[in-house]
N, C-alpha and C. Protein backbone atom coordinates (compact mmCIF):
# COMPACT_ATOMS: atom_id res chain seq x y z
N MET A 1 243.50 -13.22 150.88
CA MET A 1 244.58 -14.14 150.61
C MET A 1 245.50 -13.54 149.56
N LYS A 2 246.75 -13.62 149.84
CA LYS A 2 247.75 -13.07 148.95
C LYS A 2 247.94 -13.98 147.74
N GLY A 3 248.06 -13.38 146.52
CA GLY A 3 248.26 -14.16 145.30
C GLY A 3 249.68 -14.69 145.24
N LYS A 4 249.86 -15.72 144.46
CA LYS A 4 251.19 -16.28 144.27
C LYS A 4 252.04 -15.32 143.48
N SER A 5 253.29 -15.19 143.88
CA SER A 5 254.19 -14.34 143.11
C SER A 5 254.80 -15.16 141.99
N SER A 6 255.04 -14.50 140.89
CA SER A 6 255.63 -15.19 139.75
C SER A 6 257.14 -15.15 139.85
N PHE A 7 257.80 -15.97 139.05
CA PHE A 7 259.26 -15.96 139.01
C PHE A 7 259.76 -14.57 138.67
N ALA A 8 259.05 -13.88 137.75
CA ALA A 8 259.47 -12.54 137.34
C ALA A 8 259.42 -11.57 138.52
N ASP A 9 258.42 -11.72 139.40
CA ASP A 9 258.33 -10.84 140.56
C ASP A 9 259.46 -11.09 141.54
N GLU A 10 259.95 -12.33 141.59
CA GLU A 10 261.00 -12.69 142.52
C GLU A 10 262.39 -12.44 141.94
N SER A 11 262.49 -12.20 140.65
CA SER A 11 263.77 -12.02 140.00
C SER A 11 264.42 -10.73 140.49
N PRO A 12 265.70 -10.78 140.89
CA PRO A 12 266.37 -9.57 141.32
C PRO A 12 266.56 -8.58 140.18
N LEU A 13 266.44 -9.06 138.95
CA LEU A 13 266.60 -8.17 137.81
C LEU A 13 265.29 -7.57 137.36
N GLY A 14 264.18 -8.00 137.93
CA GLY A 14 262.89 -7.37 137.71
C GLY A 14 262.07 -7.93 136.57
N LYS A 15 260.84 -7.43 136.52
CA LYS A 15 259.86 -7.88 135.54
C LYS A 15 260.27 -7.53 134.11
N ASP A 16 260.86 -6.34 133.90
CA ASP A 16 261.27 -5.94 132.55
C ASP A 16 262.27 -6.94 131.98
N TYR A 17 263.19 -7.39 132.79
CA TYR A 17 264.19 -8.37 132.35
C TYR A 17 263.51 -9.66 131.94
N MET A 18 262.58 -10.13 132.74
CA MET A 18 261.88 -11.37 132.44
C MET A 18 261.00 -11.21 131.21
N ASP A 19 260.41 -10.04 131.02
CA ASP A 19 259.62 -9.77 129.81
C ASP A 19 260.51 -9.84 128.57
N THR A 20 261.74 -9.32 128.69
CA THR A 20 262.68 -9.36 127.58
C THR A 20 263.02 -10.81 127.24
N ILE A 21 263.28 -11.63 128.25
CA ILE A 21 263.59 -13.04 128.02
C ILE A 21 262.41 -13.73 127.33
N SER A 22 261.20 -13.43 127.77
CA SER A 22 260.00 -14.01 127.17
C SER A 22 259.88 -13.60 125.70
N THR A 23 260.12 -12.34 125.41
CA THR A 23 260.05 -11.84 124.03
C THR A 23 261.08 -12.54 123.16
N ILE A 24 262.30 -12.68 123.67
CA ILE A 24 263.36 -13.33 122.91
C ILE A 24 262.99 -14.78 122.62
N ALA A 25 262.48 -15.48 123.63
CA ALA A 25 262.17 -16.90 123.48
C ALA A 25 261.09 -17.16 122.43
N LYS A 26 260.23 -16.18 122.18
CA LYS A 26 259.13 -16.35 121.23
C LYS A 26 259.52 -15.99 119.79
N ALA A 27 260.69 -15.40 119.61
CA ALA A 27 261.09 -14.92 118.29
C ALA A 27 261.67 -16.04 117.43
N GLY A 28 261.78 -15.77 116.13
CA GLY A 28 262.50 -16.67 115.24
C GLY A 28 263.99 -16.40 115.40
N LEU A 29 264.82 -16.95 114.52
CA LEU A 29 266.25 -16.67 114.62
C LEU A 29 266.47 -15.17 114.60
N LEU A 30 267.36 -14.72 115.46
CA LEU A 30 267.61 -13.30 115.60
C LEU A 30 268.93 -12.89 114.95
N THR A 31 268.94 -11.70 114.38
CA THR A 31 270.19 -11.11 113.90
C THR A 31 270.85 -10.42 115.09
N GLY A 32 272.11 -10.08 114.92
CA GLY A 32 272.82 -9.35 115.98
C GLY A 32 272.16 -8.02 116.32
N PRO A 33 271.82 -7.20 115.31
CA PRO A 33 271.18 -5.93 115.62
C PRO A 33 269.83 -6.08 116.34
N ARG A 34 269.05 -7.09 115.95
CA ARG A 34 267.75 -7.32 116.62
C ARG A 34 267.97 -7.74 118.07
N LEU A 35 268.91 -8.64 118.31
CA LEU A 35 269.21 -9.06 119.67
C LEU A 35 269.74 -7.88 120.49
N ALA A 36 270.57 -7.07 119.87
CA ALA A 36 271.11 -5.89 120.56
C ALA A 36 269.98 -4.96 121.01
N ARG A 37 268.99 -4.74 120.14
CA ARG A 37 267.85 -3.89 120.51
C ARG A 37 267.08 -4.50 121.68
N LEU A 38 266.83 -5.81 121.62
CA LEU A 38 266.07 -6.46 122.68
C LEU A 38 266.79 -6.41 124.02
N LEU A 39 268.12 -6.54 123.98
CA LEU A 39 268.90 -6.54 125.22
C LEU A 39 269.37 -5.15 125.63
N ARG A 40 269.08 -4.17 124.78
CA ARG A 40 269.50 -2.79 125.02
C ARG A 40 271.02 -2.70 125.15
N LEU A 41 271.70 -3.36 124.21
CA LEU A 41 273.15 -3.33 124.13
C LEU A 41 273.55 -2.80 122.76
N ALA A 42 274.79 -2.38 122.65
CA ALA A 42 275.30 -1.92 121.36
C ALA A 42 275.47 -3.12 120.43
N LYS A 43 275.27 -2.90 119.13
CA LYS A 43 275.47 -3.96 118.14
C LYS A 43 276.89 -4.49 118.21
N LYS A 44 277.86 -3.59 118.43
CA LYS A 44 279.26 -4.00 118.53
C LYS A 44 279.48 -4.94 119.71
N THR A 45 278.76 -4.72 120.79
CA THR A 45 278.90 -5.57 121.98
C THR A 45 278.44 -6.99 121.67
N ILE A 46 277.29 -7.11 121.01
CA ILE A 46 276.77 -8.43 120.64
C ILE A 46 277.73 -9.12 119.68
N ALA A 47 278.23 -8.39 118.68
CA ALA A 47 279.17 -8.96 117.71
C ALA A 47 280.44 -9.43 118.41
N ARG A 48 280.96 -8.63 119.32
CA ARG A 48 282.18 -9.01 120.05
C ARG A 48 281.94 -10.24 120.92
N MET A 49 280.80 -10.28 121.61
CA MET A 49 280.49 -11.43 122.45
C MET A 49 280.38 -12.70 121.63
N ALA A 50 279.81 -12.61 120.43
CA ALA A 50 279.70 -13.79 119.56
C ALA A 50 281.09 -14.21 119.08
N ARG A 51 281.91 -13.25 118.66
CA ARG A 51 283.27 -13.56 118.20
C ARG A 51 284.08 -14.26 119.30
N GLU A 52 283.88 -13.82 120.54
CA GLU A 52 284.62 -14.36 121.68
C GLU A 52 283.92 -15.59 122.29
N ASP A 53 282.87 -16.07 121.63
CA ASP A 53 282.08 -17.22 122.12
C ASP A 53 281.57 -17.00 123.54
N ARG A 54 281.17 -15.77 123.85
CA ARG A 54 280.63 -15.45 125.17
C ARG A 54 279.11 -15.47 125.17
N ILE A 55 278.50 -15.64 123.99
CA ILE A 55 277.06 -15.72 123.87
C ILE A 55 276.76 -16.83 122.84
N PRO A 56 275.76 -17.66 123.09
CA PRO A 56 275.48 -18.73 122.13
C PRO A 56 274.99 -18.16 120.79
N HIS A 57 275.56 -18.67 119.71
CA HIS A 57 275.20 -18.17 118.37
C HIS A 57 275.41 -19.26 117.33
N LEU A 58 274.90 -19.00 116.15
CA LEU A 58 275.05 -19.90 115.00
C LEU A 58 275.71 -19.12 113.87
N LEU A 59 276.52 -19.81 113.08
CA LEU A 59 277.05 -19.22 111.85
C LEU A 59 276.37 -19.92 110.69
N LEU A 60 275.60 -19.15 109.94
CA LEU A 60 274.87 -19.70 108.79
C LEU A 60 275.32 -18.96 107.54
N GLY A 61 276.07 -19.64 106.71
CA GLY A 61 276.54 -19.01 105.48
C GLY A 61 277.35 -17.75 105.74
N GLY A 62 278.12 -17.75 106.79
CA GLY A 62 278.94 -16.58 107.13
C GLY A 62 278.20 -15.50 107.90
N HIS A 63 276.93 -15.72 108.20
CA HIS A 63 276.14 -14.75 108.95
C HIS A 63 275.88 -15.28 110.36
N THR A 64 276.00 -14.41 111.32
CA THR A 64 275.77 -14.79 112.71
C THR A 64 274.29 -14.64 113.03
N ARG A 65 273.71 -15.69 113.59
CA ARG A 65 272.31 -15.67 114.02
C ARG A 65 272.25 -16.23 115.43
N PHE A 66 271.19 -15.88 116.12
CA PHE A 66 271.02 -16.28 117.51
C PHE A 66 269.70 -17.02 117.66
N ASN A 67 269.77 -18.24 118.21
CA ASN A 67 268.56 -19.01 118.48
C ASN A 67 267.91 -18.41 119.73
N PRO A 68 266.68 -17.93 119.61
CA PRO A 68 266.07 -17.22 120.74
C PRO A 68 265.89 -18.08 121.99
N GLN A 69 265.56 -19.35 121.83
CA GLN A 69 265.38 -20.20 123.01
C GLN A 69 266.72 -20.44 123.72
N THR A 70 267.77 -20.60 122.93
CA THR A 70 269.10 -20.79 123.51
C THR A 70 269.56 -19.53 124.24
N VAL A 71 269.34 -18.38 123.63
CA VAL A 71 269.73 -17.11 124.27
C VAL A 71 268.92 -16.89 125.54
N ALA A 72 267.63 -17.18 125.51
CA ALA A 72 266.79 -17.02 126.71
C ALA A 72 267.30 -17.92 127.83
N GLY A 73 267.65 -19.17 127.51
CA GLY A 73 268.20 -20.07 128.51
C GLY A 73 269.53 -19.59 129.05
N TRP A 74 270.35 -19.05 128.16
CA TRP A 74 271.65 -18.50 128.55
C TRP A 74 271.47 -17.32 129.51
N LEU A 75 270.50 -16.46 129.20
CA LEU A 75 270.22 -15.32 130.09
C LEU A 75 269.74 -15.78 131.46
N LEU A 76 268.85 -16.76 131.48
CA LEU A 76 268.35 -17.28 132.76
C LEU A 76 269.47 -17.91 133.57
N ALA A 77 270.35 -18.65 132.91
CA ALA A 77 271.49 -19.27 133.60
C ALA A 77 272.43 -18.18 134.15
N ALA A 78 272.65 -17.14 133.36
CA ALA A 78 273.51 -16.04 133.81
C ALA A 78 272.89 -15.34 135.02
N GLN A 79 271.57 -15.19 135.01
CA GLN A 79 270.87 -14.57 136.14
C GLN A 79 271.04 -15.43 137.39
N GLN A 80 270.90 -16.74 137.26
CA GLN A 80 271.02 -17.64 138.40
C GLN A 80 272.45 -17.56 138.97
N THR A 81 273.45 -17.43 138.10
CA THR A 81 274.83 -17.34 138.54
C THR A 81 275.04 -16.05 139.33
N GLU A 82 274.43 -14.94 138.87
CA GLU A 82 274.58 -13.66 139.56
C GLU A 82 273.93 -13.67 140.93
N VAL A 83 272.84 -14.39 141.07
CA VAL A 83 272.09 -14.42 142.32
C VAL A 83 272.86 -15.13 143.41
N LYS A 84 273.63 -16.16 143.05
CA LYS A 84 274.34 -16.97 144.04
C LYS A 84 275.42 -16.22 144.75
């Protein structure tokens, strides 16, 4: 009998992408550089996306932080949009 496939196995972006989302969701508030490392993007890209309100973020005392659960949800929503 064949085992059930997980959402990660069915994701067109693959298991590594879903592992990244899982890692992000478990983290505390993230800095831009930390999020950039997790997403394998340049720090400047994350900063620009936050400035342009293209990625969910918080401003705390003039510092940009990212709520990991919100970012994980945003990534999943973006993935669903790409699949359609």
